[in-house]
Amino acid sequence: MISMIIAEAALETVPAEIADHPSVRNQAARRGKAAGQILLDISYHYAAMKSLRNWERRGRPDITFITLLNLLESPLNYEGHLAVYVHTLEDQVISMDPRVKLPRNYSRFVGLMEQLLEEGKIPPKGRPLMVVSRQSLGDLLAKIGPSRTVALTERGKRIRLGEYCRQLAKESPAILIGGFQRGEFLKKDLDLAGERVSIYGKPLDAWVAASEMAHGLEQALGIL
């Protein structure tokens, strides 16, 4: 089993310190929700977010949305070789049932994540397809127990993807993909990775990096 973790994902509800900002209140009112129940989104809350710690790394749930679609709808997942997790910058972990079907519409995805973060699981009753818990990235890796942990970073050692994936396909690795829009992993999280690798000479969006890695593994495993 190969674990792919969207790490330090910019996915969270609006924090209390900016809940009274007009941009937050107005959007919450339009959606008929309390400010603390809606996802933080830099597209709507930019003016409010500039007062937050690490604000430039937050408020991008769309990154997680697109990356999850690419991973969960991949042949690697369909063939039962993939476990997908989301670890947020605020140290929450979302565990995904590989059979979950995410909505293709971004607005519906936002509503689903808001429900998940409020209820703790989706669906609220019966066997859950998504569960959120308070965990650090280190806690999650200890639970998974991977054979090795690899961080995808533009500052890592450049690799030949096909050759590297043939090595990984023989093991049960955990692969970290940054779920934030800019910068590097936090040191405490990057230090958890025994390997830091780069698959291309320029920065890649998270969903592109995830897709390339999944495709390389699919070829290595003979799926494609």
N, C-alpha and C. Protein backbone atom coordinates (compact mmCIF):
# COMPACT_ATOMS: atom_id res chain seq x y z
N MET A 1 0.84 -1.19 0.00
CA MET A 1 0.00 0.00 0.00
C MET A 1 0.88 1.25 0.00
N ILE A 2 0.53 2.19 -0.84
CA ILE A 2 1.25 3.46 -0.94
C ILE A 2 0.38 4.54 -0.33
N SER A 3 0.92 5.29 0.61
CA SER A 3 0.18 6.37 1.26
C SER A 3 0.61 7.70 0.66
N MET A 4 -0.35 8.47 0.20
CA MET A 4 -0.06 9.84 -0.24
C MET A 4 -0.76 10.80 0.71
N ILE A 5 0.02 11.73 1.23
CA ILE A 5 -0.48 12.66 2.23
C ILE A 5 -0.38 14.08 1.69
N ILE A 6 -1.51 14.74 1.56
CA ILE A 6 -1.51 16.17 1.25
C ILE A 6 -1.21 16.87 2.58
N ALA A 7 0.02 17.30 2.74
CA ALA A 7 0.50 17.76 4.05
C ALA A 7 0.47 19.28 4.17
N GLU A 8 0.18 19.74 5.38
CA GLU A 8 0.07 21.17 5.68
C GLU A 8 -0.95 21.85 4.75
N ALA A 9 -2.03 21.13 4.48
CA ALA A 9 -3.06 21.63 3.57
C ALA A 9 -3.69 22.91 4.10
N ALA A 10 -3.92 23.83 3.19
CA ALA A 10 -4.53 25.12 3.54
C ALA A 10 -6.05 24.97 3.58
N LEU A 11 -6.51 24.11 4.49
CA LEU A 11 -7.92 23.77 4.62
C LEU A 11 -8.32 23.91 6.08
N GLU A 12 -9.16 24.88 6.37
CA GLU A 12 -9.60 25.14 7.75
C GLU A 12 -10.83 26.04 7.72
N THR A 13 -11.58 26.04 8.81
CA THR A 13 -12.66 27.01 8.94
C THR A 13 -12.09 28.34 9.40
N VAL A 14 -12.88 29.39 9.26
CA VAL A 14 -12.43 30.74 9.62
C VAL A 14 -12.06 30.79 11.10
N PRO A 15 -10.84 31.21 11.42
CA PRO A 15 -10.44 31.28 12.83
C PRO A 15 -11.15 32.41 13.56
N ALA A 16 -11.28 32.27 14.87
CA ALA A 16 -12.06 33.21 15.68
C ALA A 16 -11.53 34.64 15.59
N GLU A 17 -10.21 34.80 15.42
CA GLU A 17 -9.65 36.15 15.46
C GLU A 17 -10.06 37.04 14.29
N ILE A 18 -10.59 36.45 13.20
CA ILE A 18 -11.05 37.29 12.10
C ILE A 18 -12.54 37.07 11.80
N ALA A 19 -13.24 36.39 12.68
CA ALA A 19 -14.65 36.06 12.44
C ALA A 19 -15.54 37.29 12.33
N ASP A 20 -15.12 38.41 12.94
CA ASP A 20 -15.94 39.62 12.90
C ASP A 20 -15.57 40.55 11.75
N HIS A 21 -14.61 40.17 10.93
CA HIS A 21 -14.23 41.03 9.81
C HIS A 21 -15.38 41.10 8.81
N PRO A 22 -15.64 42.27 8.23
CA PRO A 22 -16.78 42.41 7.29
C PRO A 22 -16.76 41.41 6.15
N SER A 23 -15.59 41.10 5.58
CA SER A 23 -15.54 40.18 4.45
C SER A 23 -15.99 38.78 4.86
N VAL A 24 -15.70 38.41 6.11
CA VAL A 24 -16.12 37.11 6.62
C VAL A 24 -17.60 37.13 6.96
N ARG A 25 -18.02 38.15 7.68
CA ARG A 25 -19.44 38.24 8.09
C ARG A 25 -20.36 38.27 6.87
N ASN A 26 -19.96 39.01 5.85
CA ASN A 26 -20.82 39.14 4.67
C ASN A 26 -20.97 37.82 3.93
N GLN A 27 -19.87 37.10 3.77
CA GLN A 27 -19.98 35.82 3.08
C GLN A 27 -20.75 34.80 3.90
N ALA A 28 -20.52 34.79 5.21
CA ALA A 28 -21.25 33.86 6.07
C ALA A 28 -22.75 34.14 6.02
N ALA A 29 -23.10 35.43 6.03
CA ALA A 29 -24.52 35.80 5.98
C ALA A 29 -25.16 35.36 4.66
N ARG A 30 -24.43 35.53 3.56
CA ARG A 30 -24.96 35.12 2.26
C ARG A 30 -25.22 33.62 2.21
N ARG A 31 -24.41 32.87 2.93
CA ARG A 31 -24.55 31.42 2.91
C ARG A 31 -25.41 30.89 4.07
N GLY A 32 -25.87 31.78 4.92
CA GLY A 32 -26.74 31.38 6.01
C GLY A 32 -26.03 30.57 7.07
N LYS A 33 -24.74 30.85 7.30
CA LYS A 33 -23.96 30.11 8.29
C LYS A 33 -23.27 31.08 9.24
N ALA A 34 -22.83 30.54 10.38
CA ALA A 34 -22.01 31.33 11.29
C ALA A 34 -20.61 31.46 10.69
N ALA A 35 -19.90 32.53 11.03
CA ALA A 35 -18.58 32.79 10.46
C ALA A 35 -17.62 31.63 10.70
N GLY A 36 -17.69 31.03 11.87
CA GLY A 36 -16.78 29.95 12.21
C GLY A 36 -17.11 28.62 11.55
N GLN A 37 -18.19 28.59 10.75
CA GLN A 37 -18.58 27.35 10.09
C GLN A 37 -18.17 27.30 8.62
N ILE A 38 -17.67 28.42 8.08
CA ILE A 38 -17.31 28.45 6.67
C ILE A 38 -15.81 28.28 6.50
N LEU A 39 -15.40 27.75 5.35
CA LEU A 39 -13.98 27.57 5.09
C LEU A 39 -13.28 28.90 4.86
N LEU A 40 -12.11 29.01 5.39
CA LEU A 40 -11.25 30.16 5.12
C LEU A 40 -10.81 30.09 3.67
N ASP A 41 -11.01 31.19 2.94
CA ASP A 41 -10.69 31.21 1.51
C ASP A 41 -10.11 32.57 1.16
N ILE A 42 -8.87 32.56 0.69
CA ILE A 42 -8.19 33.81 0.40
C ILE A 42 -8.88 34.60 -0.71
N SER A 43 -9.65 33.93 -1.55
CA SER A 43 -10.38 34.63 -2.61
C SER A 43 -11.43 35.57 -2.05
N TYR A 44 -11.98 35.21 -0.88
CA TYR A 44 -13.02 36.02 -0.25
C TYR A 44 -12.51 36.80 0.95
N HIS A 45 -11.51 36.28 1.63
CA HIS A 45 -11.13 36.80 2.95
C HIS A 45 -9.73 37.41 2.97
N TYR A 46 -9.24 37.82 1.82
CA TYR A 46 -7.86 38.32 1.73
C TYR A 46 -7.60 39.45 2.71
N ALA A 47 -8.50 40.44 2.75
CA ALA A 47 -8.29 41.61 3.62
C ALA A 47 -8.22 41.20 5.08
N ALA A 48 -9.04 40.24 5.47
CA ALA A 48 -9.06 39.78 6.86
C ALA A 48 -7.84 38.91 7.17
N MET A 49 -7.41 38.12 6.23
CA MET A 49 -6.36 37.13 6.48
C MET A 49 -4.99 37.74 6.72
N LYS A 50 -4.77 38.94 6.24
CA LYS A 50 -3.43 39.53 6.34
C LYS A 50 -2.98 39.73 7.78
N SER A 51 -3.90 39.64 8.72
CA SER A 51 -3.54 39.76 10.13
C SER A 51 -3.21 38.41 10.77
N LEU A 52 -3.39 37.32 10.01
CA LEU A 52 -3.18 35.99 10.56
C LEU A 52 -1.72 35.55 10.45
N ARG A 53 -1.30 34.71 11.39
CA ARG A 53 0.00 34.07 11.31
C ARG A 53 0.04 33.17 10.08
N ASN A 54 1.14 33.22 9.34
CA ASN A 54 1.32 32.38 8.14
C ASN A 54 0.17 32.56 7.14
N TRP A 55 -0.36 33.76 7.05
CA TRP A 55 -1.55 33.98 6.23
C TRP A 55 -1.34 33.59 4.76
N GLU A 56 -0.12 33.76 4.25
CA GLU A 56 0.11 33.49 2.84
C GLU A 56 0.09 31.99 2.51
N ARG A 57 0.11 31.14 3.54
CA ARG A 57 0.05 29.69 3.35
C ARG A 57 -1.34 29.13 3.63
N ARG A 58 -2.30 29.98 3.92
CA ARG A 58 -3.61 29.53 4.36
C ARG A 58 -4.70 29.94 3.38
N GLY A 59 -5.89 29.38 3.58
CA GLY A 59 -7.04 29.80 2.78
C GLY A 59 -7.04 29.36 1.33
N ARG A 60 -6.53 28.15 1.05
CA ARG A 60 -6.55 27.64 -0.33
C ARG A 60 -7.13 26.21 -0.37
N PRO A 61 -8.39 26.07 0.02
CA PRO A 61 -8.99 24.72 -0.03
C PRO A 61 -9.07 24.15 -1.43
N ASP A 62 -9.00 25.00 -2.45
CA ASP A 62 -9.05 24.51 -3.83
C ASP A 62 -7.86 23.61 -4.17
N ILE A 63 -6.71 23.86 -3.53
CA ILE A 63 -5.55 23.00 -3.77
C ILE A 63 -5.85 21.57 -3.34
N THR A 64 -6.43 21.43 -2.16
CA THR A 64 -6.79 20.10 -1.66
C THR A 64 -7.85 19.47 -2.54
N PHE A 65 -8.82 20.25 -2.97
CA PHE A 65 -9.91 19.75 -3.82
C PHE A 65 -9.38 19.12 -5.10
N ILE A 66 -8.56 19.86 -5.83
CA ILE A 66 -8.07 19.36 -7.12
C ILE A 66 -7.13 18.17 -6.93
N THR A 67 -6.28 18.24 -5.91
CA THR A 67 -5.34 17.15 -5.65
C THR A 67 -6.08 15.87 -5.27
N LEU A 68 -7.09 16.00 -4.42
CA LEU A 68 -7.88 14.82 -4.04
C LEU A 68 -8.57 14.19 -5.24
N LEU A 69 -9.15 15.00 -6.11
CA LEU A 69 -9.80 14.45 -7.30
C LEU A 69 -8.81 13.66 -8.14
N ASN A 70 -7.61 14.20 -8.32
CA ASN A 70 -6.61 13.52 -9.12
C ASN A 70 -6.18 12.19 -8.50
N LEU A 71 -6.06 12.14 -7.19
CA LEU A 71 -5.61 10.92 -6.53
C LEU A 71 -6.72 9.89 -6.41
N LEU A 72 -7.89 10.32 -5.95
CA LEU A 72 -8.97 9.37 -5.70
C LEU A 72 -9.54 8.77 -6.98
N GLU A 73 -9.42 9.50 -8.09
CA GLU A 73 -9.93 9.00 -9.37
C GLU A 73 -8.83 8.37 -10.22
N SER A 74 -7.69 8.10 -9.62
CA SER A 74 -6.58 7.52 -10.37
C SER A 74 -6.70 5.99 -10.45
N PRO A 75 -6.16 5.39 -11.52
CA PRO A 75 -6.10 3.93 -11.57
C PRO A 75 -5.36 3.33 -10.38
N LEU A 76 -4.37 4.05 -9.85
CA LEU A 76 -3.64 3.57 -8.68
C LEU A 76 -4.59 3.33 -7.51
N ASN A 77 -5.55 4.22 -7.33
CA ASN A 77 -6.54 4.05 -6.27
C ASN A 77 -7.56 2.99 -6.64
N TYR A 78 -8.04 3.01 -7.88
CA TYR A 78 -9.03 2.03 -8.31
C TYR A 78 -8.54 0.59 -8.13
N GLU A 79 -7.23 0.39 -8.30
CA GLU A 79 -6.66 -0.95 -8.20
C GLU A 79 -6.26 -1.32 -6.77
N GLY A 80 -6.57 -0.45 -5.80
CA GLY A 80 -6.38 -0.79 -4.40
C GLY A 80 -4.98 -0.62 -3.86
N HIS A 81 -4.16 0.22 -4.52
CA HIS A 81 -2.77 0.40 -4.08
C HIS A 81 -2.54 1.70 -3.32
N LEU A 82 -3.59 2.50 -3.12
CA LEU A 82 -3.39 3.85 -2.61
C LEU A 82 -4.24 4.14 -1.37
N ALA A 83 -3.61 4.76 -0.38
CA ALA A 83 -4.32 5.33 0.78
C ALA A 83 -4.06 6.83 0.77
N VAL A 84 -5.11 7.62 0.88
CA VAL A 84 -4.99 9.07 0.77
C VAL A 84 -5.39 9.72 2.10
N TYR A 85 -4.56 10.67 2.53
CA TYR A 85 -4.82 11.42 3.75
C TYR A 85 -4.62 12.91 3.48
N VAL A 86 -5.33 13.72 4.25
CA VAL A 86 -5.10 15.17 4.25
C VAL A 86 -4.67 15.57 5.65
N HIS A 87 -3.50 16.17 5.74
CA HIS A 87 -3.02 16.73 7.01
C HIS A 87 -3.03 18.24 6.85
N THR A 88 -3.71 18.96 7.74
CA THR A 88 -3.83 20.39 7.59
C THR A 88 -2.76 21.14 8.36
N LEU A 89 -2.58 22.38 8.00
CA LEU A 89 -1.61 23.24 8.67
C LEU A 89 -1.91 23.37 10.15
N GLU A 90 -3.18 23.19 10.53
CA GLU A 90 -3.60 23.29 11.92
C GLU A 90 -3.59 21.94 12.63
N ASP A 91 -2.91 20.96 12.05
CA ASP A 91 -2.76 19.62 12.63
C ASP A 91 -4.09 18.90 12.84
N GLN A 92 -4.87 18.86 11.78
CA GLN A 92 -6.01 17.94 11.71
C GLN A 92 -5.74 16.98 10.56
N VAL A 93 -6.20 15.76 10.70
CA VAL A 93 -5.99 14.75 9.67
C VAL A 93 -7.33 14.21 9.19
N ILE A 94 -7.51 14.20 7.88
CA ILE A 94 -8.70 13.61 7.26
C ILE A 94 -8.28 12.28 6.64
N SER A 95 -8.90 11.21 7.11
CA SER A 95 -8.68 9.88 6.55
C SER A 95 -9.77 9.60 5.53
N MET A 96 -9.39 9.16 4.33
CA MET A 96 -10.33 8.98 3.24
C MET A 96 -10.53 7.50 2.94
N ASP A 97 -11.78 7.06 2.90
CA ASP A 97 -12.06 5.74 2.38
C ASP A 97 -11.76 5.76 0.87
N PRO A 98 -11.02 4.80 0.35
CA PRO A 98 -10.67 4.84 -1.08
C PRO A 98 -11.87 4.80 -2.01
N ARG A 99 -13.04 4.41 -1.49
CA ARG A 99 -14.24 4.36 -2.33
C ARG A 99 -15.02 5.66 -2.36
N VAL A 100 -14.57 6.66 -1.61
CA VAL A 100 -15.32 7.91 -1.55
C VAL A 100 -15.34 8.58 -2.92
N LYS A 101 -16.49 9.16 -3.26
CA LYS A 101 -16.65 9.90 -4.51
C LYS A 101 -16.88 11.36 -4.15
N LEU A 102 -15.88 12.18 -4.39
CA LEU A 102 -16.02 13.60 -4.09
C LEU A 102 -16.86 14.28 -5.15
N PRO A 103 -17.60 15.34 -4.76
CA PRO A 103 -18.33 16.11 -5.77
C PRO A 103 -17.35 16.78 -6.73
N ARG A 104 -17.74 16.86 -8.00
CA ARG A 104 -16.88 17.53 -8.98
C ARG A 104 -17.03 19.04 -8.91
N ASN A 105 -18.09 19.48 -8.33
CA ASN A 105 -18.36 20.92 -8.21
C ASN A 105 -17.66 21.46 -6.97
N TYR A 106 -16.87 22.54 -7.13
CA TYR A 106 -16.08 23.06 -6.02
C TYR A 106 -16.96 23.57 -4.88
N SER A 107 -18.06 24.23 -5.19
CA SER A 107 -18.95 24.75 -4.14
C SER A 107 -19.50 23.62 -3.28
N ARG A 108 -19.84 22.51 -3.92
CA ARG A 108 -20.34 21.36 -3.17
C ARG A 108 -19.23 20.75 -2.31
N PHE A 109 -18.00 20.74 -2.83
CA PHE A 109 -16.87 20.25 -2.04
C PHE A 109 -16.68 21.11 -0.79
N VAL A 110 -16.77 22.43 -0.95
CA VAL A 110 -16.64 23.34 0.19
C VAL A 110 -17.68 23.00 1.25
N GLY A 111 -18.93 22.83 0.84
CA GLY A 111 -19.98 22.49 1.79
C GLY A 111 -19.72 21.17 2.48
N LEU A 112 -19.18 20.20 1.73
CA LEU A 112 -18.88 18.89 2.30
C LEU A 112 -17.78 19.00 3.36
N MET A 113 -16.72 19.76 3.06
CA MET A 113 -15.63 19.94 4.02
C MET A 113 -16.11 20.69 5.26
N GLU A 114 -16.96 21.65 5.09
CA GLU A 114 -17.51 22.38 6.24
C GLU A 114 -18.31 21.44 7.13
N GLN A 115 -19.10 20.57 6.51
CA GLN A 115 -19.86 19.58 7.28
C GLN A 115 -18.93 18.61 7.99
N LEU A 116 -17.89 18.16 7.29
CA LEU A 116 -16.94 17.23 7.89
C LEU A 116 -16.24 17.83 9.10
N LEU A 117 -15.77 19.06 8.98
CA LEU A 117 -15.05 19.70 10.07
C LEU A 117 -15.95 19.98 11.27
N GLU A 118 -17.26 20.12 11.01
CA GLU A 118 -18.21 20.36 12.10
C GLU A 118 -18.67 19.04 12.73
N GLU A 119 -18.96 18.04 11.89
CA GLU A 119 -19.53 16.78 12.39
C GLU A 119 -18.45 15.78 12.82
N GLY A 120 -17.28 15.87 12.20
CA GLY A 120 -16.20 14.95 12.51
C GLY A 120 -16.11 13.76 11.58
N LYS A 121 -17.19 13.48 10.86
CA LYS A 121 -17.17 12.38 9.89
C LYS A 121 -18.29 12.57 8.87
N ILE A 122 -18.10 11.93 7.72
CA ILE A 122 -19.08 11.96 6.63
C ILE A 122 -19.26 10.52 6.13
N PRO A 123 -20.50 10.02 6.05
CA PRO A 123 -21.72 10.62 6.58
C PRO A 123 -21.75 10.57 8.10
N PRO A 124 -22.57 11.42 8.72
CA PRO A 124 -22.60 11.46 10.19
C PRO A 124 -23.04 10.14 10.83
N LYS A 125 -23.86 9.36 10.09
CA LYS A 125 -24.32 8.08 10.61
C LYS A 125 -23.90 6.96 9.67
N GLY A 126 -23.72 5.77 10.23
CA GLY A 126 -23.29 4.64 9.43
C GLY A 126 -21.78 4.63 9.23
N ARG A 127 -21.34 3.78 8.32
CA ARG A 127 -19.90 3.65 8.07
C ARG A 127 -19.37 4.93 7.42
N PRO A 128 -18.40 5.60 8.05
CA PRO A 128 -17.92 6.87 7.50
C PRO A 128 -17.00 6.66 6.30
N LEU A 129 -17.08 7.59 5.34
CA LEU A 129 -16.18 7.61 4.20
C LEU A 129 -15.04 8.60 4.40
N MET A 130 -15.25 9.55 5.31
CA MET A 130 -14.20 10.50 5.68
C MET A 130 -14.30 10.76 7.18
N VAL A 131 -13.17 10.78 7.83
CA VAL A 131 -13.12 11.03 9.27
C VAL A 131 -12.02 12.05 9.53
N VAL A 132 -12.31 13.04 10.38
CA VAL A 132 -11.29 14.02 10.74
C VAL A 132 -10.95 13.87 12.22
N SER A 133 -9.67 13.98 12.53
CA SER A 133 -9.21 13.86 13.91
C SER A 133 -8.06 14.83 14.14
N ARG A 134 -7.83 15.14 15.41
CA ARG A 134 -6.72 16.02 15.77
C ARG A 134 -5.44 15.20 15.84
N GLN A 135 -4.56 15.37 14.88
CA GLN A 135 -3.30 14.64 14.83
C GLN A 135 -2.24 15.50 14.18
N SER A 136 -1.01 15.34 14.61
CA SER A 136 0.11 15.95 13.91
C SER A 136 0.51 15.04 12.75
N LEU A 137 1.34 15.56 11.87
CA LEU A 137 1.85 14.73 10.79
C LEU A 137 2.67 13.57 11.35
N GLY A 138 3.42 13.83 12.41
CA GLY A 138 4.19 12.77 13.05
C GLY A 138 3.30 11.68 13.61
N ASP A 139 2.17 12.05 14.20
CA ASP A 139 1.21 11.07 14.71
C ASP A 139 0.70 10.19 13.58
N LEU A 140 0.36 10.83 12.47
CA LEU A 140 -0.18 10.09 11.33
C LEU A 140 0.85 9.10 10.78
N LEU A 141 2.09 9.56 10.62
CA LEU A 141 3.12 8.67 10.09
C LEU A 141 3.39 7.50 11.04
N ALA A 142 3.34 7.76 12.35
CA ALA A 142 3.53 6.68 13.31
C ALA A 142 2.42 5.65 13.19
N LYS A 143 1.21 6.10 12.90
CA LYS A 143 0.07 5.20 12.73
C LYS A 143 0.20 4.38 11.45
N ILE A 144 0.64 5.03 10.37
CA ILE A 144 0.77 4.34 9.08
C ILE A 144 1.94 3.35 9.11
N GLY A 145 3.07 3.78 9.68
CA GLY A 145 4.25 2.93 9.72
C GLY A 145 4.83 2.64 8.35
N PRO A 146 5.12 3.67 7.54
CA PRO A 146 5.62 3.43 6.18
C PRO A 146 7.05 2.88 6.18
N SER A 147 7.40 2.24 5.07
CA SER A 147 8.76 1.74 4.91
C SER A 147 9.75 2.88 4.77
N ARG A 148 9.30 3.96 4.17
CA ARG A 148 10.09 5.19 4.08
C ARG A 148 9.13 6.35 3.86
N THR A 149 9.57 7.55 4.25
CA THR A 149 8.77 8.75 4.06
C THR A 149 9.50 9.69 3.12
N VAL A 150 8.81 10.08 2.05
CA VAL A 150 9.40 10.90 1.00
C VAL A 150 8.64 12.22 0.91
N ALA A 151 9.36 13.33 0.93
CA ALA A 151 8.75 14.65 0.74
C ALA A 151 9.05 15.13 -0.67
N LEU A 152 8.02 15.50 -1.42
CA LEU A 152 8.22 16.11 -2.73
C LEU A 152 8.45 17.60 -2.54
N THR A 153 9.62 18.07 -2.91
CA THR A 153 9.97 19.47 -2.74
C THR A 153 10.93 19.91 -3.83
N GLU A 154 10.74 21.11 -4.31
CA GLU A 154 11.62 21.61 -5.38
C GLU A 154 13.06 21.73 -4.91
N ARG A 155 13.29 21.74 -3.60
CA ARG A 155 14.64 21.82 -3.06
C ARG A 155 15.27 20.46 -2.82
N GLY A 156 14.54 19.41 -3.15
CA GLY A 156 15.05 18.06 -2.92
C GLY A 156 15.98 17.59 -4.01
N LYS A 157 16.49 16.37 -3.84
CA LYS A 157 17.38 15.77 -4.81
C LYS A 157 16.60 15.42 -6.07
N ARG A 158 17.09 15.84 -7.20
CA ARG A 158 16.42 15.58 -8.47
C ARG A 158 16.49 14.09 -8.78
N ILE A 159 15.36 13.52 -9.15
CA ILE A 159 15.30 12.09 -9.44
C ILE A 159 14.75 11.87 -10.84
N ARG A 160 14.99 10.67 -11.36
CA ARG A 160 14.32 10.21 -12.57
C ARG A 160 13.07 9.45 -12.09
N LEU A 161 11.92 10.01 -12.40
CA LEU A 161 10.68 9.55 -11.78
C LEU A 161 10.40 8.07 -12.02
N GLY A 162 10.57 7.60 -13.26
CA GLY A 162 10.27 6.21 -13.56
C GLY A 162 11.11 5.25 -12.74
N GLU A 163 12.40 5.53 -12.69
CA GLU A 163 13.31 4.67 -11.93
C GLU A 163 13.01 4.71 -10.44
N TYR A 164 12.71 5.90 -9.93
CA TYR A 164 12.42 6.05 -8.51
C TYR A 164 11.13 5.33 -8.14
N CYS A 165 10.12 5.44 -8.99
CA CYS A 165 8.84 4.79 -8.70
C CYS A 165 8.96 3.27 -8.73
N ARG A 166 9.86 2.75 -9.54
CA ARG A 166 10.07 1.30 -9.54
C ARG A 166 10.61 0.83 -8.20
N GLN A 167 11.40 1.66 -7.55
CA GLN A 167 11.88 1.34 -6.21
C GLN A 167 10.74 1.42 -5.20
N LEU A 168 9.97 2.52 -5.27
CA LEU A 168 8.88 2.72 -4.31
C LEU A 168 7.81 1.65 -4.42
N ALA A 169 7.57 1.18 -5.63
CA ALA A 169 6.49 0.20 -5.86
C ALA A 169 6.75 -1.12 -5.16
N LYS A 170 7.98 -1.37 -4.76
CA LYS A 170 8.32 -2.61 -4.05
C LYS A 170 8.10 -2.47 -2.55
N GLU A 171 7.74 -1.27 -2.09
CA GLU A 171 7.65 -1.00 -0.66
C GLU A 171 6.26 -0.47 -0.30
N SER A 172 6.16 0.05 0.94
CA SER A 172 4.93 0.70 1.41
C SER A 172 5.29 2.10 1.90
N PRO A 173 5.60 3.00 0.97
CA PRO A 173 6.08 4.33 1.36
C PRO A 173 4.94 5.30 1.68
N ALA A 174 5.31 6.38 2.34
CA ALA A 174 4.42 7.53 2.51
C ALA A 174 5.04 8.68 1.74
N ILE A 175 4.23 9.34 0.92
CA ILE A 175 4.70 10.43 0.07
C ILE A 175 3.99 11.71 0.49
N LEU A 176 4.77 12.72 0.85
CA LEU A 176 4.23 14.00 1.31
C LEU A 176 4.16 14.99 0.15
N ILE A 177 2.98 15.56 -0.06
CA ILE A 177 2.76 16.56 -1.11
C ILE A 177 2.25 17.82 -0.43
N GLY A 178 2.91 18.93 -0.62
CA GLY A 178 2.52 20.17 0.06
C GLY A 178 1.17 20.69 -0.42
N GLY A 179 0.28 20.94 0.53
CA GLY A 179 -1.06 21.43 0.20
C GLY A 179 -1.22 22.93 0.37
N PHE A 180 -0.11 23.65 0.27
CA PHE A 180 -0.11 25.11 0.45
C PHE A 180 0.34 25.76 -0.85
N GLN A 181 0.11 27.07 -0.97
CA GLN A 181 0.34 27.70 -2.26
C GLN A 181 1.77 28.16 -2.49
N ARG A 182 2.56 28.38 -1.44
CA ARG A 182 3.92 28.84 -1.65
C ARG A 182 4.79 28.48 -0.46
N GLY A 183 6.12 28.53 -0.69
CA GLY A 183 7.04 28.25 0.40
C GLY A 183 7.38 26.78 0.51
N GLU A 184 7.98 26.42 1.62
CA GLU A 184 8.46 25.07 1.89
C GLU A 184 7.70 24.48 3.07
N PHE A 185 7.77 23.16 3.23
CA PHE A 185 7.21 22.53 4.41
C PHE A 185 7.82 23.15 5.66
N LEU A 186 7.06 23.17 6.76
CA LEU A 186 7.61 23.58 8.04
C LEU A 186 8.72 22.61 8.42
N LYS A 187 9.73 23.11 9.11
CA LYS A 187 10.89 22.29 9.44
C LYS A 187 10.49 21.04 10.23
N LYS A 188 9.55 21.20 11.17
CA LYS A 188 9.16 20.07 12.00
C LYS A 188 8.53 18.95 11.17
N ASP A 189 7.89 19.30 10.09
CA ASP A 189 7.29 18.29 9.22
C ASP A 189 8.29 17.76 8.20
N LEU A 190 9.10 18.65 7.65
CA LEU A 190 10.09 18.21 6.68
C LEU A 190 11.10 17.26 7.32
N ASP A 191 11.40 17.48 8.59
CA ASP A 191 12.36 16.61 9.29
C ASP A 191 11.84 15.19 9.45
N LEU A 192 10.53 14.98 9.27
CA LEU A 192 9.97 13.63 9.37
C LEU A 192 10.25 12.79 8.14
N ALA A 193 10.65 13.45 7.06
CA ALA A 193 10.90 12.74 5.81
C ALA A 193 12.36 12.31 5.73
N GLY A 194 12.57 11.03 5.54
CA GLY A 194 13.93 10.54 5.39
C GLY A 194 14.53 10.90 4.04
N GLU A 195 13.65 11.19 3.06
CA GLU A 195 14.10 11.56 1.73
C GLU A 195 13.35 12.80 1.26
N ARG A 196 14.07 13.67 0.56
CA ARG A 196 13.47 14.87 -0.04
C ARG A 196 13.85 14.88 -1.51
N VAL A 197 12.84 14.79 -2.35
CA VAL A 197 13.13 14.62 -3.78
C VAL A 197 12.36 15.64 -4.61
N SER A 198 12.90 15.92 -5.78
CA SER A 198 12.29 16.80 -6.76
C SER A 198 12.08 16.02 -8.04
N ILE A 199 10.88 16.12 -8.62
CA ILE A 199 10.60 15.37 -9.84
C ILE A 199 10.71 16.23 -11.09
N TYR A 200 10.96 17.55 -10.90
CA TYR A 200 11.05 18.45 -12.04
C TYR A 200 11.89 19.65 -11.63
N GLY A 201 12.45 20.34 -12.60
CA GLY A 201 13.36 21.43 -12.30
C GLY A 201 12.71 22.73 -11.91
N LYS A 202 11.39 22.79 -11.97
CA LYS A 202 10.66 24.00 -11.61
C LYS A 202 9.54 23.64 -10.64
N PRO A 203 9.01 24.63 -9.90
CA PRO A 203 7.91 24.33 -8.98
C PRO A 203 6.68 23.81 -9.72
N LEU A 204 6.01 22.85 -9.12
CA LEU A 204 4.80 22.27 -9.69
C LEU A 204 3.64 22.47 -8.72
N ASP A 205 2.44 22.67 -9.25
CA ASP A 205 1.26 22.68 -8.39
C ASP A 205 1.11 21.31 -7.74
N ALA A 206 0.49 21.30 -6.57
CA ALA A 206 0.36 20.05 -5.81
C ALA A 206 -0.34 18.97 -6.61
N TRP A 207 -1.40 19.32 -7.32
CA TRP A 207 -2.16 18.32 -8.05
C TRP A 207 -1.36 17.76 -9.24
N VAL A 208 -0.47 18.56 -9.81
CA VAL A 208 0.38 18.06 -10.90
C VAL A 208 1.41 17.08 -10.34
N ALA A 209 2.06 17.46 -9.24
CA ALA A 209 3.04 16.58 -8.61
C ALA A 209 2.39 15.26 -8.19
N ALA A 210 1.19 15.35 -7.62
CA ALA A 210 0.48 14.14 -7.19
C ALA A 210 0.15 13.25 -8.38
N SER A 211 -0.32 13.85 -9.47
CA SER A 211 -0.67 13.08 -10.66
C SER A 211 0.54 12.41 -11.29
N GLU A 212 1.65 13.15 -11.36
CA GLU A 212 2.87 12.59 -11.95
C GLU A 212 3.37 11.41 -11.11
N MET A 213 3.34 11.57 -9.80
CA MET A 213 3.79 10.49 -8.93
C MET A 213 2.87 9.27 -9.05
N ALA A 214 1.56 9.50 -9.06
CA ALA A 214 0.61 8.40 -9.22
C ALA A 214 0.82 7.69 -10.55
N HIS A 215 1.03 8.44 -11.60
CA HIS A 215 1.23 7.84 -12.92
C HIS A 215 2.51 7.01 -12.96
N GLY A 216 3.58 7.55 -12.36
CA GLY A 216 4.83 6.79 -12.31
C GLY A 216 4.67 5.47 -11.57
N LEU A 217 3.91 5.50 -10.49
CA LEU A 217 3.68 4.27 -9.71
C LEU A 217 2.78 3.29 -10.47
N GLU A 218 1.81 3.84 -11.19
CA GLU A 218 0.94 2.97 -12.00
C GLU A 218 1.75 2.22 -13.05
N GLN A 219 2.68 2.91 -13.67
CA GLN A 219 3.52 2.25 -14.67
C GLN A 219 4.44 1.22 -14.00
N ALA A 220 5.00 1.59 -12.84
CA ALA A 220 5.90 0.68 -12.15
C ALA A 220 5.20 -0.60 -11.71
N LEU A 221 3.92 -0.48 -11.35
CA LEU A 221 3.14 -1.62 -10.88
C LEU A 221 2.47 -2.39 -12.01
N GLY A 222 2.64 -1.91 -13.24
CA GLY A 222 2.04 -2.58 -14.39
C GLY A 222 0.56 -2.33 -14.55
N ILE A 223 0.05 -1.30 -13.90
CA ILE A 223 -1.38 -0.96 -14.02
C ILE A 223 -1.65 -0.33 -15.37
N LEU A 224 -0.72 0.50 -15.84
CA LEU A 224 -0.84 1.15 -17.14
C LEU A 224 0.32 0.72 -18.03
